[in-house]
PDB file of N, CA and C in Angstrom:
ATOM      1  N   MET A   1     -39.103 -51.666  31.581  1.00  0.00           N
ATOM      2  CA  MET A   1     -39.610 -52.165  30.442  1.00  0.00           C
ATOM      3  C   MET A   1     -39.127 -53.763  30.677  1.00  0.00           C
ATOM      4  N   PRO A   2     -40.054 -54.860  30.833  1.00  0.00           N
ATOM      5  CA  PRO A   2     -39.411 -56.064  30.778  1.00  0.00           C
ATOM      6  C   PRO A   2     -38.932 -56.490  29.547  1.00  0.00           C
ATOM      7  N   ALA A   3     -37.951 -57.400  29.679  1.00  0.00           N
ATOM      8  CA  ALA A   3     -37.424 -57.953  28.408  1.00  0.00           C
ATOM      9  C   ALA A   3     -37.520 -59.335  28.256  1.00  0.00           C
ATOM     10  N   ALA A   4     -38.237 -59.820  27.097  1.00  0.00           N
ATOM     11  CA  ALA A   4     -38.584 -60.959  26.505  1.00  0.00           C
ATOM     12  C   ALA A   4     -37.889 -61.892  25.610  1.00  0.00           C
ATOM     13  N   LEU A   5     -37.366 -63.001  25.726  1.00  0.00           N
ATOM     14  CA  LEU A   5     -36.675 -63.998  24.640  1.00  0.00           C
ATOM     15  C   LEU A   5     -37.759 -65.115  24.631  1.00  0.00           C
ATOM     16  N   ILE A   6     -38.462 -65.251  23.381  1.00  0.00           N
ATOM     17  CA  ILE A   6     -39.228 -66.152  22.846  1.00  0.00           C
ATOM     18  C   ILE A   6     -38.537 -67.191  21.883  1.00  0.00           C
ATOM     19  N   THR A   7     -38.522 -68.215  22.222  1.00  0.00           N
ATOM     20  CA  THR A   7     -37.752 -69.272  21.500  1.00  0.00           C
ATOM     21  C   THR A   7     -38.855 -69.706  20.478  1.00  0.00           C
ATOM     22  N   GLY A   8     -38.433 -70.046  19.043  1.00  0.00           N
ATOM     23  CA  GLY A   8     -39.363 -70.275  18.062  1.00  0.00           C
ATOM     24  C   GLY A   8     -40.401 -69.380  17.692  1.00  0.00           C
ATOM     25  N   SER A   9     -40.161 -67.993  17.585  1.00  0.00           N
ATOM     26  CA  SER A   9     -41.087 -67.069  17.377  1.00  0.00           C
ATOM     27  C   SER A   9     -40.651 -66.193  16.098  1.00  0.00           C
ATOM     28  N   GLY A  10     -40.152 -67.100  15.304  1.00  0.00           N
ATOM     29  CA  GLY A  10     -39.701 -66.423  14.077  1.00  0.00           C
ATOM     30  C   GLY A  10     -40.649 -66.630  12.844  1.00  0.00           C
ATOM     31  N   LYS A  11     -41.523 -67.227  12.976  1.00  0.00           N
ATOM     32  CA  LYS A  11     -42.639 -67.484  11.885  1.00  0.00           C
ATOM     33  C   LYS A  11     -43.790 -66.676  12.241  1.00  0.00           C
ATOM     34  N   GLU A  12     -44.223 -65.663  11.004  1.00  0.00           N
ATOM     35  CA  GLU A  12     -45.296 -64.730  11.405  1.00  0.00           C
ATOM     36  C   GLU A  12     -46.525 -65.423  11.988  1.00  0.00           C
ATOM     37  N   ASN A  13     -47.211 -66.422  11.528  1.00  0.00           N
ATOM     38  CA  ASN A  13     -48.401 -67.121  11.960  1.00  0.00           C
ATOM     39  C   ASN A  13     -48.003 -68.053  13.095  1.00  0.00           C
ATOM     40  N   GLY A  14     -46.838 -68.308  13.633  1.00  0.00           N
ATOM     41  CA  GLY A  14     -46.657 -69.154  14.523  1.00  0.00           C
ATOM     42  C   GLY A  14     -47.079 -68.963  15.976  1.00  0.00           C
ATOM     43  N   ILE A  15     -47.351 -70.039  16.716  1.00  0.00           N
ATOM     44  CA  ILE A  15     -47.631 -69.580  18.200  1.00  0.00           C
ATOM     45  C   ILE A  15     -46.701 -68.659  18.749  1.00  0.00           C
ATOM     46  N   GLY A  16     -45.336 -68.965  18.666  1.00  0.00           N
ATOM     47  CA  GLY A  16     -44.214 -68.257  19.306  1.00  0.00           C
ATOM     48  C   GLY A  16     -44.280 -66.894  18.813  1.00  0.00           C
ATOM     49  N   ALA A  17     -44.727 -66.544  17.668  1.00  0.00           N
ATOM     50  CA  ALA A  17     -44.870 -65.077  17.425  1.00  0.00           C
ATOM     51  C   ALA A  17     -46.260 -64.488  17.872  1.00  0.00           C
ATOM     52  N   GLY A  18     -47.166 -65.293  18.002  1.00  0.00           N
ATOM     53  CA  GLY A  18     -48.282 -64.671  18.832  1.00  0.00           C
ATOM     54  C   GLY A  18     -47.911 -64.456  20.343  1.00  0.00           C
ATOM     55  N   ILE A  19     -47.159 -65.399  21.078  1.00  0.00           N
ATOM     56  CA  ILE A  19     -46.852 -65.001  22.294  1.00  0.00           C
ATOM     57  C   ILE A  19     -46.083 -63.686  22.392  1.00  0.00           C
ATOM     58  N   ALA A  20     -44.949 -63.907  21.251  1.00  0.00           N
ATOM     59  CA  ALA A  20     -44.064 -62.493  21.270  1.00  0.00           C
ATOM     60  C   ALA A  20     -44.902 -61.182  21.365  1.00  0.00           C
ATOM     61  N   ARG A  21     -45.895 -61.241  20.314  1.00  0.00           N
ATOM     62  CA  ARG A  21     -46.843 -60.168  20.030  1.00  0.00           C
ATOM     63  C   ARG A  21     -47.830 -59.664  21.468  1.00  0.00           C
ATOM     64  N   ALA A  22     -48.069 -60.820  22.004  1.00  0.00           N
ATOM     65  CA  ALA A  22     -48.625 -60.470  23.406  1.00  0.00           C
ATOM     66  C   ALA A  22     -47.838 -59.758  24.405  1.00  0.00           C
ATOM     67  N   PHE A  23     -46.580 -60.294  24.406  1.00  0.00           N
ATOM     68  CA  PHE A  23     -45.668 -59.443  25.200  1.00  0.00           C
ATOM     69  C   PHE A  23     -45.483 -57.987  24.820  1.00  0.00           C
ATOM     70  N   ALA A  24     -45.220 -57.881  23.499  1.00  0.00           N
ATOM     71  CA  ALA A  24     -44.952 -56.533  23.206  1.00  0.00           C
ATOM     72  C   ALA A  24     -46.103 -55.730  23.200  1.00  0.00           C
ATOM     73  N   ARG A  25     -47.264 -55.959  22.959  1.00  0.00           N
ATOM     74  CA  ARG A  25     -48.382 -55.456  23.265  1.00  0.00           C
ATOM     75  C   ARG A  25     -48.612 -54.820  24.575  1.00  0.00           C
ATOM     76  N   ASN A  26     -48.005 -55.556  25.489  1.00  0.00           N
ATOM     77  CA  ASN A  26     -47.846 -55.200  26.956  1.00  0.00           C
ATOM     78  C   ASN A  26     -46.660 -54.410  27.281  1.00  0.00           C
ATOM     79  N   GLY A  27     -45.821 -53.962  26.259  1.00  0.00           N
ATOM     80  CA  GLY A  27     -44.833 -53.215  26.553  1.00  0.00           C
ATOM     81  C   GLY A  27     -43.423 -53.839  26.617  1.00  0.00           C
ATOM     82  N   ALA A  28     -43.459 -55.088  26.708  1.00  0.00           N
ATOM     83  CA  ALA A  28     -42.030 -55.773  26.924  1.00  0.00           C
ATOM     84  C   ALA A  28     -41.117 -55.593  25.638  1.00  0.00           C
ATOM     85  N   ALA A  29     -39.856 -55.489  25.521  1.00  0.00           N
ATOM     86  CA  ALA A  29     -38.846 -55.489  24.630  1.00  0.00           C
ATOM     87  C   ALA A  29     -38.713 -56.892  24.479  1.00  0.00           C
ATOM     88  N   VAL A  30     -38.633 -57.616  22.852  1.00  0.00           N
ATOM     89  CA  VAL A  30     -38.678 -58.704  22.547  1.00  0.00           C
ATOM     90  C   VAL A  30     -37.823 -59.182  21.781  1.00  0.00           C
ATOM     91  N   ALA A  31     -36.906 -60.553  22.091  1.00  0.00           N
ATOM     92  CA  ALA A  31     -36.035 -61.193  21.109  1.00  0.00           C
ATOM     93  C   ALA A  31     -36.773 -62.298  20.568  1.00  0.00           C
ATOM     94  N   ILE A  32     -36.798 -62.147  19.238  1.00  0.00           N
ATOM     95  CA  ILE A  32     -37.297 -63.091  18.292  1.00  0.00           C
ATOM     96  C   ILE A  32     -36.298 -64.126  17.882  1.00  0.00           C
ATOM     97  N   HIS A  33     -36.489 -65.320  18.214  1.00  0.00           N
ATOM     98  CA  HIS A  33     -35.518 -66.424  17.754  1.00  0.00           C
ATOM     99  C   HIS A  33     -36.007 -67.339  16.653  1.00  0.00           C
ATOM    100  N   TYR A  34     -35.002 -67.612  16.002  1.00  0.00           N
ATOM    101  CA  TYR A  34     -35.164 -68.464  14.724  1.00  0.00           C
ATOM    102  C   TYR A  34     -33.879 -69.417  14.839  1.00  0.00           C
ATOM    103  N   VAL A  35     -33.968 -70.525  14.088  1.00  0.00           N
ATOM    104  CA  VAL A  35     -32.845 -71.557  14.040  1.00  0.00           C
ATOM    105  C   VAL A  35     -32.220 -71.376  12.744  1.00  0.00           C
ATOM    106  N   SER A  36     -32.674 -71.679  11.618  1.00  0.00           N
ATOM    107  CA  SER A  36     -31.977 -71.702  10.138  1.00  0.00           C
ATOM    108  C   SER A  36     -31.798 -70.511   9.781  1.00  0.00           C
ATOM    109  N   GLU A  37     -30.816 -70.180   8.850  1.00  0.00           N
ATOM    110  CA  GLU A  37     -30.273 -69.206   8.269  1.00  0.00           C
ATOM    111  C   GLU A  37     -31.631 -68.726   7.220  1.00  0.00           C
ATOM    112  N   GLU A  38     -32.257 -69.625   6.747  1.00  0.00           N
ATOM    113  CA  GLU A  38     -33.231 -69.350   5.720  1.00  0.00           C
ATOM    114  C   GLU A  38     -34.660 -68.824   6.375  1.00  0.00           C
ATOM    115  N   SER A  39     -34.581 -68.822   7.737  1.00  0.00           N
ATOM    116  CA  SER A  39     -35.728 -68.443   8.524  1.00  0.00           C
ATOM    117  C   SER A  39     -35.403 -66.813   8.961  1.00  0.00           C
ATOM    118  N   LYS A  40     -34.295 -66.284   8.683  1.00  0.00           N
ATOM    119  CA  LYS A  40     -33.825 -65.082   8.900  1.00  0.00           C
ATOM    120  C   LYS A  40     -34.942 -63.929   8.447  1.00  0.00           C
ATOM    121  N   PRO A  41     -35.151 -63.933   7.202  1.00  0.00           N
ATOM    122  CA  PRO A  41     -35.871 -62.826   6.825  1.00  0.00           C
ATOM    123  C   PRO A  41     -37.335 -62.739   7.675  1.00  0.00           C
ATOM    124  N   LYS A  42     -37.977 -64.101   7.825  1.00  0.00           N
ATOM    125  CA  LYS A  42     -39.114 -64.143   8.374  1.00  0.00           C
ATOM    126  C   LYS A  42     -39.375 -63.584   9.706  1.00  0.00           C
ATOM    127  N   ALA A  43     -38.031 -64.017  10.702  1.00  0.00           N
ATOM    128  CA  ALA A  43     -37.898 -63.540  11.968  1.00  0.00           C
ATOM    129  C   ALA A  43     -37.810 -62.102  11.908  1.00  0.00           C
ATOM    130  N   ALA A  44     -37.034 -61.316  10.945  1.00  0.00           N
ATOM    131  CA  ALA A  44     -36.684 -59.949  10.913  1.00  0.00           C
ATOM    132  C   ALA A  44     -38.023 -59.394  10.758  1.00  0.00           C
ATOM    133  N   LYS A  45     -38.946 -59.995   9.944  1.00  0.00           N
ATOM    134  CA  LYS A  45     -40.267 -59.288   9.647  1.00  0.00           C
ATOM    135  C   LYS A  45     -41.075 -59.170  10.912  1.00  0.00           C
ATOM    136  N   VAL A  46     -40.880 -60.330  11.763  1.00  0.00           N
ATOM    137  CA  VAL A  46     -41.770 -60.602  13.023  1.00  0.00           C
ATOM    138  C   VAL A  46     -41.370 -59.314  13.871  1.00  0.00           C
ATOM    139  N   ALA A  47     -39.990 -59.193  13.985  1.00  0.00           N
ATOM    140  CA  ALA A  47     -39.535 -58.149  14.942  1.00  0.00           C
ATOM    141  C   ALA A  47     -39.841 -56.985  14.547  1.00  0.00           C
ATOM    142  N   GLU A  48     -39.650 -56.603  13.037  1.00  0.00           N
ATOM    143  CA  GLU A  48     -39.992 -55.282  12.548  1.00  0.00           C
ATOM    144  C   GLU A  48     -41.362 -54.852  12.903  1.00  0.00           C
ATOM    145  N   CYS A  49     -42.411 -55.844  12.547  1.00  0.00           N
ATOM    146  CA  CYS A  49     -43.819 -55.444  12.695  1.00  0.00           C
ATOM    147  C   CYS A  49     -44.011 -55.220  14.403  1.00  0.00           C
ATOM    148  N   LEU A  50     -43.668 -56.006  15.142  1.00  0.00           N
ATOM    149  CA  LEU A  50     -43.900 -55.755  16.613  1.00  0.00           C
ATOM    150  C   LEU A  50     -43.216 -54.349  16.929  1.00  0.00           C
ATOM    151  N   ALA A  51     -42.065 -54.159  16.469  1.00  0.00           N
ATOM    152  CA  ALA A  51     -41.463 -52.522  16.891  1.00  0.00           C
ATOM    153  C   ALA A  51     -42.294 -51.536  16.314  1.00  0.00           C
ATOM    154  N   ASN A  52     -42.739 -51.649  14.985  1.00  0.00           N
ATOM    155  CA  ASN A  52     -43.636 -50.675  14.477  1.00  0.00           C
ATOM    156  C   ASN A  52     -45.135 -50.583  14.973  1.00  0.00           C
ATOM    157  N   GLU A  53     -45.695 -51.667  15.375  1.00  0.00           N
ATOM    158  CA  GLU A  53     -47.036 -51.603  15.853  1.00  0.00           C
ATOM    159  C   GLU A  53     -46.980 -51.261  17.384  1.00  0.00           C
ATOM    160  N   PHE A  54     -45.991 -51.646  18.279  1.00  0.00           N
ATOM    161  CA  PHE A  54     -46.289 -51.418  19.437  1.00  0.00           C
ATOM    162  C   PHE A  54     -45.125 -50.488  20.033  1.00  0.00           C
ATOM    163  N   GLY A  55     -44.210 -50.100  19.174  1.00  0.00           N
ATOM    164  CA  GLY A  55     -43.246 -49.117  19.674  1.00  0.00           C
ATOM    165  C   GLY A  55     -42.206 -49.715  20.752  1.00  0.00           C
ATOM    166  N   VAL A  56     -41.937 -50.964  20.788  1.00  0.00           N
ATOM    167  CA  VAL A  56     -41.060 -51.573  21.618  1.00  0.00           C
ATOM    168  C   VAL A  56     -39.793 -52.079  20.807  1.00  0.00           C
ATOM    169  N   LYS A  57     -38.670 -52.287  21.706  1.00  0.00           N
ATOM    170  CA  LYS A  57     -37.524 -52.660  21.048  1.00  0.00           C
ATOM    171  C   LYS A  57     -37.339 -54.164  20.781  1.00  0.00           C
ATOM    172  N   THR A  58     -36.890 -54.378  19.724  1.00  0.00           N
ATOM    173  CA  THR A  58     -36.962 -55.788  19.211  1.00  0.00           C
ATOM    174  C   THR A  58     -35.441 -56.071  18.654  1.00  0.00           C
ATOM    175  N   THR A  59     -35.187 -57.634  18.852  1.00  0.00           N
ATOM    176  CA  THR A  59     -33.963 -58.006  18.142  1.00  0.00           C
ATOM    177  C   THR A  59     -34.427 -59.337  17.598  1.00  0.00           C
ATOM    178  N   VAL A  60     -33.571 -59.803  16.604  1.00  0.00           N
ATOM    179  CA  VAL A  60     -33.561 -61.373  16.463  1.00  0.00           C
ATOM    180  C   VAL A  60     -32.350 -62.097  16.663  1.00  0.00           C
ATOM    181  N   VAL A  61     -32.311 -63.356  17.200  1.00  0.00           N
ATOM    182  CA  VAL A  61     -31.485 -64.159  17.585  1.00  0.00           C
ATOM    183  C   VAL A  61     -31.500 -65.400  17.081  1.00  0.00           C
ATOM    184  N   GLN A  62     -30.296 -65.851  16.705  1.00  0.00           N
ATOM    185  CA  GLN A  62     -30.216 -67.339  16.013  1.00  0.00           C
ATOM    186  C   GLN A  62     -29.559 -68.442  16.615  1.00  0.00           C
ATOM    187  N   GLY A  63     -29.961 -69.532  16.524  1.00  0.00           N
ATOM    188  CA  GLY A  63     -29.302 -70.733  17.353  1.00  0.00           C
ATOM    189  C   GLY A  63     -30.152 -72.130  17.583  1.00  0.00           C
ATOM    190  N   SER A  64     -29.533 -72.900  17.656  1.00  0.00           N
ATOM    191  CA  SER A  64     -30.506 -74.078  18.236  1.00  0.00           C
ATOM    192  C   SER A  64     -30.377 -74.227  19.726  1.00  0.00           C
ATOM    193  N   VAL A  65     -31.463 -74.513  20.265  1.00  0.00           N
ATOM    194  CA  VAL A  65     -31.409 -74.699  21.856  1.00  0.00           C
ATOM    195  C   VAL A  65     -31.091 -76.099  22.109  1.00  0.00           C
ATOM    196  N   GLU A  66     -30.553 -77.031  21.159  1.00  0.00           N
ATOM    197  CA  GLU A  66     -30.338 -78.269  21.482  1.00  0.00           C
ATOM    198  C   GLU A  66     -29.057 -78.376  22.394  1.00  0.00           C
ATOM    199  N   ASP A  67     -28.301 -77.455  22.314  1.00  0.00           N
ATOM    200  CA  ASP A  67     -26.925 -77.876  23.328  1.00  0.00           C
ATOM    201  C   ASP A  67     -26.853 -76.615  24.135  1.00  0.00           C
ATOM    202  N   ARG A  68     -26.298 -76.840  25.003  1.00  0.00           N
ATOM    203  CA  ARG A  68     -25.760 -75.814  26.026  1.00  0.00           C
ATOM    204  C   ARG A  68     -25.092 -74.481  25.716  1.00  0.00           C
ATOM    205  N   GLU A  69     -24.124 -74.731  25.101  1.00  0.00           N
ATOM    206  CA  GLU A  69     -23.389 -73.562  24.682  1.00  0.00           C
ATOM    207  C   GLU A  69     -23.937 -72.592  23.673  1.00  0.00           C
ATOM    208  N   THR A  70     -24.743 -73.443  22.661  1.00  0.00           N
ATOM    209  CA  THR A  70     -25.434 -72.629  21.741  1.00  0.00           C
ATOM    210  C   THR A  70     -26.474 -71.695  22.340  1.00  0.00           C
ATOM    211  N   THR A  71     -27.111 -72.361  23.242  1.00  0.00           N
ATOM    212  CA  THR A  71     -28.414 -71.715  24.088  1.00  0.00           C
ATOM    213  C   THR A  71     -27.679 -70.552  24.860  1.00  0.00           C
ATOM    214  N   LYS A  72     -26.580 -70.562  25.390  1.00  0.00           N
ATOM    215  CA  LYS A  72     -25.971 -69.298  26.230  1.00  0.00           C
ATOM    216  C   LYS A  72     -25.803 -68.407  24.952  1.00  0.00           C
ATOM    217  N   GLY A  73     -25.272 -68.695  23.930  1.00  0.00           N
ATOM    218  CA  GLY A  73     -24.998 -67.677  22.833  1.00  0.00           C
ATOM    219  C   GLY A  73     -26.379 -67.162  22.272  1.00  0.00           C
ATOM    220  N   ILE A  74     -27.526 -67.718  22.480  1.00  0.00           N
ATOM    221  CA  ILE A  74     -28.718 -66.856  22.014  1.00  0.00           C
ATOM    222  C   ILE A  74     -29.265 -66.096  23.040  1.00  0.00           C
ATOM    223  N   VAL A  75     -28.911 -66.537  24.475  1.00  0.00           N
ATOM    224  CA  VAL A  75     -29.184 -65.530  25.711  1.00  0.00           C
ATOM    225  C   VAL A  75     -28.253 -64.265  25.332  1.00  0.00           C
ATOM    226  N   THR A  76     -27.039 -64.493  24.987  1.00  0.00           N
ATOM    227  CA  THR A  76     -26.121 -63.440  25.080  1.00  0.00           C
ATOM    228  C   THR A  76     -26.265 -62.462  23.741  1.00  0.00           C
ATOM    229  N   GLN A  77     -26.946 -62.888  22.761  1.00  0.00           N
ATOM    230  CA  GLN A  77     -27.430 -62.160  21.581  1.00  0.00           C
ATOM    231  C   GLN A  77     -28.502 -61.589  22.003  1.00  0.00           C
ATOM    232  N   ALA A  78     -29.670 -62.045  22.728  1.00  0.00           N
ATOM    233  CA  ALA A  78     -30.616 -61.245  23.101  1.00  0.00           C
ATOM    234  C   ALA A  78     -30.366 -60.246  23.917  1.00  0.00           C
ATOM    235  N   LEU A  79     -29.407 -60.367  25.263  1.00  0.00           N
ATOM    236  CA  LEU A  79     -29.038 -59.347  25.891  1.00  0.00           C
ATOM    237  C   LEU A  79     -28.541 -58.303  25.315  1.00  0.00           C
ATOM    238  N   LYS A  80     -27.568 -58.353  24.394  1.00  0.00           N
ATOM    239  CA  LYS A  80     -26.964 -57.232  23.507  1.00  0.00           C
ATOM    240  C   LYS A  80     -28.002 -56.668  22.681  1.00  0.00           C
ATOM    241  N   GLY A  81     -28.690 -57.395  21.935  1.00  0.00           N
ATOM    242  CA  GLY A  81     -29.701 -56.795  20.911  1.00  0.00           C
ATOM    243  C   GLY A  81     -30.571 -56.040  21.461  1.00  0.00           C
ATOM    244  N   LEU A  82     -31.364 -56.248  22.822  1.00  0.00           N
ATOM    245  CA  LEU A  82     -32.066 -55.481  23.441  1.00  0.00           C
ATOM    246  C   LEU A  82     -31.317 -54.447  24.259  1.00  0.00           C
ATOM    247  N   GLY A  83     -30.221 -54.548  24.752  1.00  0.00           N
ATOM    248  CA  GLY A  83     -29.304 -53.518  25.289  1.00  0.00           C
ATOM    249  C   GLY A  83     -29.716 -53.768  26.880  1.00  0.00           C
ATOM    250  N   VAL A  84     -29.933 -54.880  27.250  1.00  0.00           N
ATOM    251  CA  VAL A  84     -30.386 -55.026  28.613  1.00  0.00           C
ATOM    252  C   VAL A  84     -29.189 -55.872  29.468  1.00  0.00           C
ATOM    253  N   ASP A  85     -29.335 -56.108  30.911  1.00  0.00           N
ATOM    254  CA  ASP A  85     -28.702 -57.037  31.452  1.00  0.00           C
ATOM    255  C   ASP A  85     -29.218 -58.177  31.877  1.00  0.00           C
ATOM    256  N   HIS A  86     -30.519 -58.240  31.845  1.00  0.00           N
ATOM    257  CA  HIS A  86     -31.119 -59.702  32.252  1.00  0.00           C
ATOM    258  C   HIS A  86     -32.211 -59.877  31.108  1.00  0.00           C
ATOM    259  N   ILE A  87     -32.872 -60.967  31.138  1.00  0.00           N
ATOM    260  CA  ILE A  87     -34.051 -61.398  30.675  1.00  0.00           C
ATOM    261  C   ILE A  87     -35.150 -61.565  31.815  1.00  0.00           C
ATOM    262  N   ASP A  88     -36.392 -61.032  31.584  1.00  0.00           N
ATOM    263  CA  ASP A  88     -37.257 -61.135  32.470  1.00  0.00           C
ATOM    264  C   ASP A  88     -38.306 -62.235  32.314  1.00  0.00           C
ATOM    265  N   ILE A  89     -38.617 -62.725  30.985  1.00  0.00           N
ATOM    266  CA  ILE A  89     -39.463 -63.576  30.632  1.00  0.00           C
ATOM    267  C   ILE A  89     -38.921 -64.370  29.462  1.00  0.00           C
ATOM    268  N   LEU A  90     -39.015 -65.659  29.792  1.00  0.00           N
ATOM    269  CA  LEU A  90     -38.440 -66.617  28.723  1.00  0.00           C
ATOM    270  C   LEU A  90     -39.505 -67.381  28.302  1.00  0.00           C
ATOM    271  N   GLY A  91     -39.898 -67.504  27.144  1.00  0.00           N
ATOM    272  CA  GLY A  91     -40.888 -68.291  26.590  1.00  0.00           C
ATOM    273  C   GLY A  91     -40.184 -69.330  25.534  1.00  0.00           C
ATOM    274  N   THR A  92     -40.527 -70.471  25.658  1.00  0.00           N
ATOM    275  CA  THR A  92     -40.213 -71.415  24.743  1.00  0.00           C
ATOM    276  C   THR A  92     -41.521 -72.049  23.982  1.00  0.00           C
ATOM    277  N   CYS A  93     -41.140 -72.205  22.790  1.00  0.00           N
ATOM    278  CA  CYS A  93     -42.098 -72.709  21.577  1.00  0.00           C
ATOM    279  C   CYS A  93     -41.275 -73.626  20.976  1.00  0.00           C
ATOM    280  N   PRO A  94     -41.216 -74.986  21.103  1.00  0.00           N
ATOM    281  CA  PRO A  94     -40.656 -76.096  20.426  1.00  0.00           C
ATOM    282  C   PRO A  94     -41.074 -76.193  19.081  1.00  0.00           C
ATOM    283  N   ARG A  95     -40.143 -76.739  18.138  1.00  0.00           N
ATOM    284  CA  ARG A  95     -40.708 -77.097  16.873  1.00  0.00           C
ATOM    285  C   ARG A  95     -41.658 -78.285  16.935  1.00  0.00           C
ATOM    286  N   THR A  96     -42.493 -78.460  15.912  1.00  0.00           N
ATOM    287  CA  THR A  96     -43.524 -79.397  15.730  1.00  0.00           C
ATOM    288  C   THR A  96     -42.839 -80.479  14.859  1.00  0.00           C
ATOM    289  N   TYR A  97     -43.021 -81.546  15.623  1.00  0.00           N
ATOM    290  CA  TYR A  97     -42.600 -83.091  15.091  1.00  0.00           C
ATOM    291  C   TYR A  97     -43.555 -83.907  14.479  1.00  0.00           C
ATOM    292  N   VAL A  98     -43.455 -84.470  13.591  1.00  0.00           N
ATOM    293  CA  VAL A  98     -44.228 -85.452  12.946  1.00  0.00           C
ATOM    294  C   VAL A  98     -43.793 -86.897  13.372  1.00  0.00           C
ATOM    295  N   VAL A  99     -44.499 -87.521  14.142  1.00  0.00           N
ATOM    296  CA  VAL A  99     -44.404 -88.775  14.663  1.00  0.00           C
ATOM    297  C   VAL A  99     -45.137 -90.010  13.941  1.00  0.00           C
ATOM    298  N   THR A 100     -44.556 -90.859  13.623  1.00  0.00           N
ATOM    299  CA  THR A 100     -45.081 -92.013  12.780  1.00  0.00           C
ATOM    300  C   THR A 100     -45.060 -93.094  13.493  1.00  0.00           C
ATOM    301  N   PHE A 101     -46.351 -93.913  13.543  1.00  0.00           N
ATOM    302  CA  PHE A 101     -46.336 -95.097  14.368  1.00  0.00           C
ATOM    303  C   PHE A 101     -46.438 -96.373  13.588  1.00  0.00           C
ATOM    304  N   ALA A 102     -45.592 -97.338  14.036  1.00  0.00           N
ATOM    305  CA  ALA A 102     -45.573 -98.507  13.100  1.00  0.00           C
ATOM    306  C   ALA A 102     -46.873 -99.320  13.528  1.00  0.00           C
ATOM    307  N   SER A 103     -47.313-100.220  12.323  1.00  0.00           N
ATOM    308  CA  SER A 103     -48.497-100.940  12.879  1.00  0.00           C
ATOM    309  C   SER A 103     -48.220-102.212  13.013  1.00  0.00           C
ATOM    310  N   ARG A 104     -48.787-103.103  13.751  1.00  0.00           N
ATOM    311  CA  ARG A 104     -48.493-104.585  13.818  1.00  0.00           C
ATOM    312  C   ARG A 104     -48.859-105.499  12.935  1.00  0.00           C
TER     313      ARG A 104
END
């Protein structure tokens, strides 16, 4: 069973959750990533739905990928939560930013 860590996958209708769903549908264990504590219930729901629908192991992991140490922690959480010694698939789904352009 391959193990996948998909960053930015904690929102039910988000692109990251869709990618996580595709891997789960194909038998991968999936770590669902979220950043803020307020997103934890949504991420947990995504993980629960994937586990129930596809019968795969899931876990939720938290942290910002903006610095190296926190990113290492995310990977450690995923390894422990999925009960594996390596991650086979890493998918990154960065946040959406609104960019405002100044007019001349």
